Amino acid sequence: MIRVALPLFILAIASSGMTIADDKKEAGKQTAFEHFKQLAGEWVGKAGPDGHEMRVIYKVTSGGSAVIETITPGSDHEMVTMIHPDGDDLILTHYCMLGNQPQMKAPGKADGNKVAFTFVKATNLKSDKDMYMHDATFTFVDKDTVKAEWTHFQDGKASGNMVIELKRKK
């Protein structure tokens, strides 16, 4: 009995060790979307060159398949951004106070602690000369710090950046 049980016990321990090692490998390969899901909650910080106060709420929705970012909730300038996977990529649609809705795409695999979205198209954009958000890069500094850099275009070219640095509200 011991001759049969001991090898099975050793095999079980060895298998569980491989599972733990595999889990650690997977943790290092976090998807870009997982970074956004971990933002769930309320964030506060500063934005722009004048460092005005900023409040942002992130919420995981639709059975975990999308993240809603609400910028300055409840204000006259409230904006919503939806982020979700699309195959191997990540899609961001920004519902801007300017009345247009730029859509951007990023690779679904995380590139370290950054996720860089590039412009795909926009709805309600009368002309590429109108102002709209063209790209956005999110840097996940640590579990309680995120930095977002948004570039806006006007007259068909980059016309400025908005940098938002946020801390998780505790």
N, C-alpha and C. Protein backbone atom coordinates (compact mmCIF):
# COMPACT_ATOMS: atom_id res chain seq x y z
N MET A 1 0.83 -1.20 0.00
CA MET A 1 0.00 0.00 0.00
C MET A 1 0.87 1.26 0.00
N ILE A 2 1.90 1.27 0.89
CA ILE A 2 2.79 2.44 0.96
C ILE A 2 3.53 2.60 -0.35
N ARG A 3 3.92 1.48 -0.99
CA ARG A 3 4.64 1.54 -2.26
C ARG A 3 3.80 2.21 -3.35
N VAL A 4 2.50 2.07 -3.31
CA VAL A 4 1.59 2.68 -4.29
C VAL A 4 1.27 4.11 -3.88
N ALA A 5 1.01 4.35 -2.61
CA ALA A 5 0.59 5.67 -2.14
C ALA A 5 1.71 6.69 -2.21
N LEU A 6 2.94 6.30 -1.87
CA LEU A 6 4.06 7.25 -1.84
C LEU A 6 4.33 7.85 -3.22
N PRO A 7 4.44 7.07 -4.27
CA PRO A 7 4.65 7.67 -5.59
C PRO A 7 3.49 8.58 -6.03
N LEU A 8 2.27 8.21 -5.66
CA LEU A 8 1.12 9.06 -6.00
C LEU A 8 1.18 10.39 -5.24
N PHE A 9 1.59 10.33 -3.97
CA PHE A 9 1.73 11.53 -3.15
C PHE A 9 2.80 12.45 -3.74
N ILE A 10 3.95 11.89 -4.12
CA ILE A 10 5.05 12.66 -4.72
C ILE A 10 4.59 13.28 -6.04
N LEU A 11 3.87 12.52 -6.83
CA LEU A 11 3.34 13.04 -8.10
C LEU A 11 2.38 14.19 -7.87
N ALA A 12 1.53 14.07 -6.87
CA ALA A 12 0.57 15.15 -6.55
C ALA A 12 1.29 16.41 -6.13
N ILE A 13 2.32 16.29 -5.31
CA ILE A 13 3.09 17.47 -4.87
C ILE A 13 3.81 18.10 -6.06
N ALA A 14 4.42 17.27 -6.89
CA ALA A 14 5.14 17.79 -8.05
C ALA A 14 4.18 18.52 -9.00
N SER A 15 3.00 17.95 -9.20
CA SER A 15 2.00 18.58 -10.08
C SER A 15 1.56 19.92 -9.54
N SER A 16 1.33 20.01 -8.23
CA SER A 16 0.89 21.28 -7.66
C SER A 16 1.99 22.31 -7.77
N GLY A 17 3.25 21.90 -7.67
CA GLY A 17 4.38 22.83 -7.84
C GLY A 17 4.42 23.38 -9.25
N MET A 18 4.12 22.54 -10.24
CA MET A 18 4.10 23.02 -11.62
C MET A 18 2.97 24.00 -11.82
N THR A 19 1.84 23.78 -11.19
CA THR A 19 0.70 24.69 -11.31
C THR A 19 1.06 26.05 -10.73
N ILE A 20 1.71 26.08 -9.58
CA ILE A 20 2.11 27.34 -8.97
C ILE A 20 3.09 28.07 -9.88
N ALA A 21 4.07 27.34 -10.44
CA ALA A 21 5.03 27.96 -11.34
C ALA A 21 4.33 28.51 -12.58
N ASP A 22 3.37 27.75 -13.15
CA ASP A 22 2.62 28.21 -14.31
C ASP A 22 1.82 29.46 -13.98
N ASP A 23 1.21 29.52 -12.79
CA ASP A 23 0.44 30.70 -12.38
C ASP A 23 1.34 31.92 -12.29
N LYS A 24 2.57 31.75 -11.78
CA LYS A 24 3.50 32.88 -11.69
C LYS A 24 3.89 33.38 -13.07
N LYS A 25 4.08 32.44 -14.02
CA LYS A 25 4.41 32.84 -15.39
C LYS A 25 3.26 33.65 -15.99
N GLU A 26 2.03 33.18 -15.78
CA GLU A 26 0.86 33.87 -16.32
C GLU A 26 0.70 35.26 -15.71
N ALA A 27 1.02 35.42 -14.43
CA ALA A 27 0.91 36.73 -13.79
C ALA A 27 1.82 37.74 -14.46
N GLY A 28 2.97 37.27 -14.96
CA GLY A 28 3.89 38.16 -15.66
C GLY A 28 3.42 38.52 -17.05
N LYS A 29 2.43 37.80 -17.57
CA LYS A 29 1.91 38.04 -18.92
C LYS A 29 0.51 38.63 -18.85
N GLN A 30 0.31 39.57 -17.96
CA GLN A 30 -1.01 40.17 -17.76
C GLN A 30 -1.47 40.86 -19.04
N THR A 31 -2.73 40.65 -19.39
CA THR A 31 -3.25 41.31 -20.58
C THR A 31 -3.48 42.79 -20.30
N ALA A 32 -3.48 43.57 -21.35
CA ALA A 32 -3.75 44.99 -21.21
C ALA A 32 -5.11 45.22 -20.56
N PHE A 33 -6.09 44.41 -20.91
CA PHE A 33 -7.43 44.60 -20.35
C PHE A 33 -7.45 44.36 -18.85
N GLU A 34 -6.67 43.39 -18.36
CA GLU A 34 -6.60 43.14 -16.92
C GLU A 34 -6.10 44.37 -16.17
N HIS A 35 -5.17 45.11 -16.77
CA HIS A 35 -4.71 46.37 -16.14
C HIS A 35 -5.91 47.30 -15.90
N PHE A 36 -6.77 47.43 -16.90
CA PHE A 36 -7.93 48.33 -16.77
C PHE A 36 -8.95 47.80 -15.76
N LYS A 37 -9.18 46.52 -15.74
CA LYS A 37 -10.13 45.95 -14.79
C LYS A 37 -9.70 46.21 -13.35
N GLN A 38 -8.40 46.20 -13.11
CA GLN A 38 -7.88 46.42 -11.76
C GLN A 38 -8.01 47.87 -11.30
N LEU A 39 -8.43 48.77 -12.20
CA LEU A 39 -8.64 50.17 -11.82
C LEU A 39 -9.98 50.39 -11.12
N ALA A 40 -10.85 49.41 -11.08
CA ALA A 40 -12.20 49.58 -10.52
C ALA A 40 -12.15 50.34 -9.20
N GLY A 41 -12.92 51.44 -9.16
CA GLY A 41 -12.97 52.26 -7.96
C GLY A 41 -12.87 53.74 -8.29
N GLU A 42 -12.69 54.54 -7.25
CA GLU A 42 -12.62 55.99 -7.41
C GLU A 42 -11.17 56.46 -7.35
N TRP A 43 -10.83 57.40 -8.22
CA TRP A 43 -9.48 57.93 -8.34
C TRP A 43 -9.52 59.44 -8.30
N VAL A 44 -8.50 60.07 -7.73
CA VAL A 44 -8.40 61.53 -7.68
C VAL A 44 -6.98 61.93 -8.03
N GLY A 45 -6.86 63.15 -8.54
CA GLY A 45 -5.52 63.62 -8.89
C GLY A 45 -5.57 64.97 -9.56
N LYS A 46 -4.55 65.21 -10.37
CA LYS A 46 -4.37 66.50 -11.04
C LYS A 46 -4.30 66.28 -12.55
N ALA A 47 -4.74 67.32 -13.27
CA ALA A 47 -4.72 67.24 -14.73
C ALA A 47 -4.27 68.56 -15.33
N GLY A 48 -3.61 68.44 -16.48
CA GLY A 48 -3.24 69.62 -17.25
C GLY A 48 -2.11 70.41 -16.63
N PRO A 49 -1.68 71.42 -17.37
CA PRO A 49 -0.54 72.24 -16.92
C PRO A 49 -0.85 73.04 -15.66
N ASP A 50 -2.13 73.35 -15.44
CA ASP A 50 -2.51 74.12 -14.25
C ASP A 50 -2.74 73.23 -13.03
N GLY A 51 -2.71 71.92 -13.23
CA GLY A 51 -2.87 70.98 -12.13
C GLY A 51 -4.23 71.01 -11.47
N HIS A 52 -5.30 71.22 -12.29
CA HIS A 52 -6.64 71.27 -11.69
C HIS A 52 -7.05 69.89 -11.18
N GLU A 53 -7.88 69.92 -10.13
CA GLU A 53 -8.33 68.69 -9.48
C GLU A 53 -9.16 67.85 -10.45
N MET A 54 -8.95 66.53 -10.39
CA MET A 54 -9.63 65.62 -11.29
C MET A 54 -10.15 64.44 -10.48
N ARG A 55 -11.35 63.99 -10.82
CA ARG A 55 -11.95 62.81 -10.20
C ARG A 55 -12.39 61.88 -11.32
N VAL A 56 -12.05 60.62 -11.19
CA VAL A 56 -12.38 59.63 -12.21
C VAL A 56 -12.87 58.36 -11.52
N ILE A 57 -13.91 57.75 -12.07
CA ILE A 57 -14.42 56.49 -11.55
C ILE A 57 -14.28 55.43 -12.64
N TYR A 58 -13.73 54.29 -12.26
CA TYR A 58 -13.64 53.14 -13.16
C TYR A 58 -14.58 52.06 -12.65
N LYS A 59 -15.31 51.45 -13.59
CA LYS A 59 -16.25 50.40 -13.21
C LYS A 59 -16.17 49.27 -14.23
N VAL A 60 -16.05 48.04 -13.73
CA VAL A 60 -16.09 46.87 -14.59
C VAL A 60 -17.56 46.54 -14.79
N THR A 61 -17.97 46.31 -16.04
CA THR A 61 -19.39 46.09 -16.35
C THR A 61 -19.55 44.97 -17.38
N SER A 62 -20.77 44.67 -17.71
CA SER A 62 -21.12 43.70 -18.75
C SER A 62 -20.46 42.34 -18.53
N GLY A 63 -20.60 41.83 -17.32
CA GLY A 63 -20.06 40.51 -17.00
C GLY A 63 -18.54 40.46 -17.07
N GLY A 64 -17.90 41.59 -16.81
CA GLY A 64 -16.43 41.64 -16.84
C GLY A 64 -15.85 41.86 -18.22
N SER A 65 -16.70 42.16 -19.21
CA SER A 65 -16.21 42.30 -20.59
C SER A 65 -15.94 43.73 -21.01
N ALA A 66 -16.18 44.71 -20.13
CA ALA A 66 -15.93 46.11 -20.47
C ALA A 66 -15.61 46.90 -19.20
N VAL A 67 -14.88 47.99 -19.39
CA VAL A 67 -14.58 48.92 -18.30
C VAL A 67 -15.08 50.29 -18.71
N ILE A 68 -15.81 50.93 -17.79
CA ILE A 68 -16.30 52.30 -18.01
C ILE A 68 -15.41 53.23 -17.20
N GLU A 69 -14.87 54.23 -17.88
CA GLU A 69 -14.13 55.30 -17.20
C GLU A 69 -15.03 56.53 -17.25
N THR A 70 -15.38 57.09 -16.09
CA THR A 70 -16.19 58.31 -16.04
C THR A 70 -15.31 59.42 -15.49
N ILE A 71 -15.06 60.41 -16.34
CA ILE A 71 -14.19 61.53 -15.99
C ILE A 71 -15.06 62.67 -15.50
N THR A 72 -14.72 63.24 -14.37
CA THR A 72 -15.46 64.31 -13.68
C THR A 72 -16.96 64.00 -13.59
N PRO A 73 -17.30 62.86 -12.96
CA PRO A 73 -18.71 62.45 -12.88
C PRO A 73 -19.59 63.51 -12.22
N GLY A 74 -20.77 63.70 -12.81
CA GLY A 74 -21.75 64.64 -12.26
C GLY A 74 -21.52 66.10 -12.63
N SER A 75 -20.43 66.40 -13.33
CA SER A 75 -20.14 67.79 -13.71
C SER A 75 -20.70 68.10 -15.10
N ASP A 76 -20.66 69.36 -15.48
CA ASP A 76 -21.09 69.75 -16.83
C ASP A 76 -20.14 69.20 -17.89
N HIS A 77 -18.94 68.83 -17.49
CA HIS A 77 -17.92 68.34 -18.43
C HIS A 77 -17.69 66.84 -18.30
N GLU A 78 -18.67 66.12 -17.71
CA GLU A 78 -18.53 64.67 -17.56
C GLU A 78 -18.31 64.02 -18.93
N MET A 79 -17.36 63.09 -18.96
CA MET A 79 -17.08 62.32 -20.18
C MET A 79 -16.97 60.85 -19.79
N VAL A 80 -17.31 59.98 -20.74
CA VAL A 80 -17.26 58.54 -20.52
C VAL A 80 -16.37 57.92 -21.58
N THR A 81 -15.56 56.98 -21.14
CA THR A 81 -14.72 56.21 -22.05
C THR A 81 -15.01 54.73 -21.79
N MET A 82 -15.24 53.99 -22.85
CA MET A 82 -15.48 52.54 -22.77
C MET A 82 -14.25 51.83 -23.30
N ILE A 83 -13.80 50.81 -22.56
CA ILE A 83 -12.64 50.04 -22.96
C ILE A 83 -13.05 48.57 -22.93
N HIS A 84 -12.76 47.84 -24.02
CA HIS A 84 -13.11 46.42 -24.07
C HIS A 84 -12.21 45.69 -25.06
N PRO A 85 -12.06 44.38 -24.84
CA PRO A 85 -11.29 43.58 -25.80
C PRO A 85 -12.05 43.41 -27.10
N ASP A 86 -11.30 43.28 -28.19
CA ASP A 86 -11.85 42.96 -29.50
C ASP A 86 -10.87 42.00 -30.15
N GLY A 87 -11.13 40.71 -30.02
CA GLY A 87 -10.17 39.71 -30.48
C GLY A 87 -8.88 39.86 -29.68
N ASP A 88 -7.77 40.00 -30.37
CA ASP A 88 -6.47 40.14 -29.71
C ASP A 88 -6.15 41.58 -29.35
N ASP A 89 -7.02 42.51 -29.70
CA ASP A 89 -6.77 43.93 -29.45
C ASP A 89 -7.66 44.47 -28.34
N LEU A 90 -7.44 45.72 -28.02
CA LEU A 90 -8.24 46.43 -27.03
C LEU A 90 -8.79 47.67 -27.71
N ILE A 91 -10.07 47.94 -27.54
CA ILE A 91 -10.73 49.09 -28.16
C ILE A 91 -11.10 50.10 -27.07
N LEU A 92 -10.89 51.37 -27.35
CA LEU A 92 -11.29 52.47 -26.47
C LEU A 92 -12.17 53.40 -27.28
N THR A 93 -13.34 53.71 -26.77
CA THR A 93 -14.22 54.72 -27.38
C THR A 93 -14.44 55.80 -26.35
N HIS A 94 -14.09 57.03 -26.70
CA HIS A 94 -14.18 58.18 -25.79
C HIS A 94 -15.37 59.04 -26.19
N TYR A 95 -16.35 59.17 -25.29
CA TYR A 95 -17.53 60.00 -25.53
C TYR A 95 -17.20 61.38 -24.97
N CYS A 96 -16.73 62.24 -25.86
CA CYS A 96 -16.12 63.50 -25.48
C CYS A 96 -17.14 64.62 -25.32
N MET A 97 -16.82 65.57 -24.44
CA MET A 97 -17.67 66.74 -24.25
C MET A 97 -17.70 67.62 -25.50
N LEU A 98 -16.78 67.37 -26.44
CA LEU A 98 -16.77 68.11 -27.70
C LEU A 98 -17.86 67.62 -28.66
N GLY A 99 -18.52 66.50 -28.28
CA GLY A 99 -19.62 65.99 -29.09
C GLY A 99 -19.20 64.96 -30.11
N ASN A 100 -17.92 64.55 -30.11
CA ASN A 100 -17.50 63.50 -31.02
C ASN A 100 -17.06 62.28 -30.21
N GLN A 101 -16.89 61.16 -30.90
CA GLN A 101 -16.57 59.90 -30.22
C GLN A 101 -15.42 59.21 -30.94
N PRO A 102 -14.19 59.59 -30.60
CA PRO A 102 -13.04 58.92 -31.22
C PRO A 102 -12.91 57.48 -30.71
N GLN A 103 -12.50 56.62 -31.62
CA GLN A 103 -12.24 55.23 -31.27
C GLN A 103 -10.76 54.95 -31.52
N MET A 104 -10.14 54.26 -30.57
CA MET A 104 -8.71 53.96 -30.65
C MET A 104 -8.49 52.48 -30.38
N LYS A 105 -7.34 51.99 -30.81
CA LYS A 105 -7.03 50.57 -30.65
C LYS A 105 -5.64 50.43 -30.06
N ALA A 106 -5.48 49.39 -29.21
CA ALA A 106 -4.18 49.05 -28.62
C ALA A 106 -4.00 47.54 -28.70
N PRO A 107 -2.75 47.08 -28.68
CA PRO A 107 -2.53 45.64 -28.62
C PRO A 107 -3.09 45.08 -27.32
N GLY A 108 -3.65 43.87 -27.37
CA GLY A 108 -4.25 43.26 -26.20
C GLY A 108 -3.24 42.73 -25.19
N LYS A 109 -2.01 42.54 -25.63
CA LYS A 109 -0.96 42.09 -24.71
C LYS A 109 -0.31 43.32 -24.10
N ALA A 110 -0.16 43.29 -22.79
CA ALA A 110 0.44 44.43 -22.10
C ALA A 110 1.90 44.57 -22.49
N ASP A 111 2.31 45.81 -22.74
CA ASP A 111 3.71 46.13 -23.02
C ASP A 111 4.29 46.70 -21.74
N GLY A 112 4.65 45.81 -20.82
CA GLY A 112 5.11 46.27 -19.51
C GLY A 112 3.97 46.94 -18.77
N ASN A 113 4.18 48.18 -18.34
CA ASN A 113 3.16 48.89 -17.57
C ASN A 113 2.44 49.95 -18.40
N LYS A 114 2.60 49.93 -19.74
CA LYS A 114 1.95 50.93 -20.61
C LYS A 114 1.01 50.28 -21.60
N VAL A 115 -0.08 51.00 -21.87
CA VAL A 115 -1.00 50.62 -22.93
C VAL A 115 -1.20 51.86 -23.79
N ALA A 116 -0.79 51.77 -25.06
CA ALA A 116 -0.86 52.92 -25.97
C ALA A 116 -1.94 52.68 -27.03
N PHE A 117 -2.95 53.55 -27.02
CA PHE A 117 -4.04 53.50 -27.99
C PHE A 117 -3.75 54.47 -29.13
N THR A 118 -4.02 54.03 -30.36
CA THR A 118 -3.86 54.90 -31.52
C THR A 118 -5.20 55.05 -32.24
N PHE A 119 -5.39 56.20 -32.84
CA PHE A 119 -6.65 56.57 -33.49
C PHE A 119 -7.02 55.61 -34.61
N VAL A 120 -8.30 55.24 -34.65
CA VAL A 120 -8.85 54.41 -35.72
C VAL A 120 -9.86 55.23 -36.52
N LYS A 121 -10.84 55.82 -35.82
CA LYS A 121 -11.89 56.61 -36.47
C LYS A 121 -12.63 57.41 -35.42
N ALA A 122 -13.52 58.27 -35.87
CA ALA A 122 -14.36 59.02 -34.94
C ALA A 122 -15.74 59.21 -35.55
N THR A 123 -16.76 59.17 -34.70
CA THR A 123 -18.11 59.49 -35.15
C THR A 123 -18.40 60.94 -34.75
N ASN A 124 -19.33 61.55 -35.46
CA ASN A 124 -19.73 62.94 -35.24
C ASN A 124 -18.57 63.92 -35.38
N LEU A 125 -17.63 63.58 -36.23
CA LEU A 125 -16.51 64.47 -36.55
C LEU A 125 -16.79 65.03 -37.94
N LYS A 126 -17.15 66.30 -37.99
CA LYS A 126 -17.53 66.91 -39.28
C LYS A 126 -16.35 66.97 -40.24
N SER A 127 -15.17 67.22 -39.68
CA SER A 127 -13.97 67.38 -40.50
C SER A 127 -12.77 67.00 -39.64
N ASP A 128 -11.68 66.56 -40.29
CA ASP A 128 -10.48 66.26 -39.51
C ASP A 128 -9.82 67.54 -39.00
N LYS A 129 -10.38 68.67 -39.37
CA LYS A 129 -9.90 69.95 -38.85
C LYS A 129 -10.51 70.28 -37.49
N ASP A 130 -11.64 69.60 -37.15
CA ASP A 130 -12.25 69.78 -35.84
C ASP A 130 -11.34 69.21 -34.76
N MET A 131 -11.53 69.67 -33.52
CA MET A 131 -10.75 69.13 -32.41
C MET A 131 -11.32 67.79 -31.98
N TYR A 132 -10.42 66.83 -31.72
CA TYR A 132 -10.81 65.52 -31.21
C TYR A 132 -9.60 64.87 -30.55
N MET A 133 -9.86 63.89 -29.69
CA MET A 133 -8.79 63.13 -29.06
C MET A 133 -8.28 62.11 -30.07
N HIS A 134 -6.98 62.10 -30.28
CA HIS A 134 -6.38 61.26 -31.31
C HIS A 134 -5.73 60.00 -30.76
N ASP A 135 -5.08 60.10 -29.63
CA ASP A 135 -4.48 58.92 -29.02
C ASP A 135 -4.38 59.09 -27.51
N ALA A 136 -4.16 57.98 -26.84
CA ALA A 136 -4.08 58.00 -25.37
C ALA A 136 -3.12 56.90 -24.93
N THR A 137 -2.29 57.22 -23.96
CA THR A 137 -1.39 56.24 -23.37
C THR A 137 -1.62 56.20 -21.87
N PHE A 138 -1.87 55.00 -21.36
CA PHE A 138 -2.07 54.80 -19.93
C PHE A 138 -0.82 54.12 -19.38
N THR A 139 -0.29 54.68 -18.30
CA THR A 139 0.86 54.07 -17.62
C THR A 139 0.40 53.65 -16.23
N PHE A 140 0.52 52.36 -15.95
CA PHE A 140 0.11 51.80 -14.67
C PHE A 140 1.34 51.80 -13.77
N VAL A 141 1.53 52.90 -13.04
CA VAL A 141 2.72 53.12 -12.24
C VAL A 141 2.83 52.07 -11.14
N ASP A 142 1.76 51.90 -10.39
CA ASP A 142 1.64 50.85 -9.38
C ASP A 142 0.15 50.62 -9.16
N LYS A 143 -0.23 49.76 -8.21
CA LYS A 143 -1.65 49.41 -8.07
C LYS A 143 -2.52 50.58 -7.65
N ASP A 144 -1.90 51.65 -7.14
CA ASP A 144 -2.67 52.82 -6.68
C ASP A 144 -2.34 54.10 -7.44
N THR A 145 -1.60 53.99 -8.55
CA THR A 145 -1.22 55.18 -9.33
C THR A 145 -1.33 54.88 -10.81
N VAL A 146 -2.04 55.75 -11.54
CA VAL A 146 -2.14 55.61 -12.99
C VAL A 146 -1.96 57.00 -13.61
N LYS A 147 -1.34 57.01 -14.76
CA LYS A 147 -1.12 58.26 -15.50
C LYS A 147 -1.70 58.07 -16.90
N ALA A 148 -2.52 59.02 -17.34
CA ALA A 148 -3.09 58.98 -18.68
C ALA A 148 -2.63 60.21 -19.44
N GLU A 149 -2.14 60.00 -20.65
CA GLU A 149 -1.72 61.10 -21.51
C GLU A 149 -2.57 61.06 -22.78
N TRP A 150 -3.38 62.09 -22.96
CA TRP A 150 -4.27 62.18 -24.11
C TRP A 150 -3.72 63.25 -25.05
N THR A 151 -3.65 62.94 -26.35
CA THR A 151 -3.22 63.92 -27.35
C THR A 151 -4.43 64.30 -28.18
N HIS A 152 -4.67 65.61 -28.29
CA HIS A 152 -5.78 66.04 -29.14
C HIS A 152 -5.25 66.64 -30.42
N PHE A 153 -6.05 66.49 -31.46
CA PHE A 153 -5.72 67.00 -32.79
C PHE A 153 -6.69 68.11 -33.15
N GLN A 154 -6.20 69.06 -33.91
CA GLN A 154 -7.03 70.10 -34.51
C GLN A 154 -6.33 70.54 -35.78
N ASP A 155 -7.11 70.88 -36.80
CA ASP A 155 -6.56 71.23 -38.10
C ASP A 155 -5.67 70.12 -38.66
N GLY A 156 -6.03 68.87 -38.35
CA GLY A 156 -5.35 67.73 -38.92
C GLY A 156 -4.01 67.38 -38.29
N LYS A 157 -3.66 68.00 -37.17
CA LYS A 157 -2.36 67.69 -36.54
C LYS A 157 -2.46 67.83 -35.03
N ALA A 158 -1.46 67.27 -34.35
CA ALA A 158 -1.42 67.34 -32.88
C ALA A 158 -1.42 68.79 -32.44
N SER A 159 -2.28 69.10 -31.47
CA SER A 159 -2.37 70.49 -31.01
C SER A 159 -2.27 70.62 -29.49
N GLY A 160 -1.95 69.53 -28.81
CA GLY A 160 -1.78 69.62 -27.36
C GLY A 160 -1.94 68.28 -26.67
N ASN A 161 -1.53 68.25 -25.42
CA ASN A 161 -1.64 67.06 -24.58
C ASN A 161 -2.37 67.39 -23.29
N MET A 162 -3.07 66.41 -22.77
CA MET A 162 -3.67 66.51 -21.44
C MET A 162 -3.10 65.34 -20.65
N VAL A 163 -2.36 65.66 -19.61
CA VAL A 163 -1.79 64.63 -18.75
C VAL A 163 -2.59 64.59 -17.45
N ILE A 164 -3.05 63.40 -17.10
CA ILE A 164 -3.85 63.20 -15.89
C ILE A 164 -3.10 62.20 -15.01
N GLU A 165 -2.76 62.61 -13.80
CA GLU A 165 -2.10 61.71 -12.86
C GLU A 165 -3.05 61.45 -11.69
N LEU A 166 -3.37 60.18 -11.49
CA LEU A 166 -4.40 59.81 -10.51
C LEU A 166 -3.86 58.84 -9.46
N LYS A 167 -4.44 58.96 -8.28
CA LYS A 167 -4.19 58.04 -7.17
C LYS A 167 -5.52 57.42 -6.77
N ARG A 168 -5.48 56.15 -6.42
CA ARG A 168 -6.69 55.47 -5.95
C ARG A 168 -7.15 56.11 -4.66
N LYS A 169 -8.45 56.46 -4.58
CA LYS A 169 -9.02 57.05 -3.36
C LYS A 169 -9.27 55.91 -2.37
N LYS A 170 -8.76 56.10 -1.15
CA LYS A 170 -8.91 55.04 -0.14
C LYS A 170 -9.83 55.47 0.96
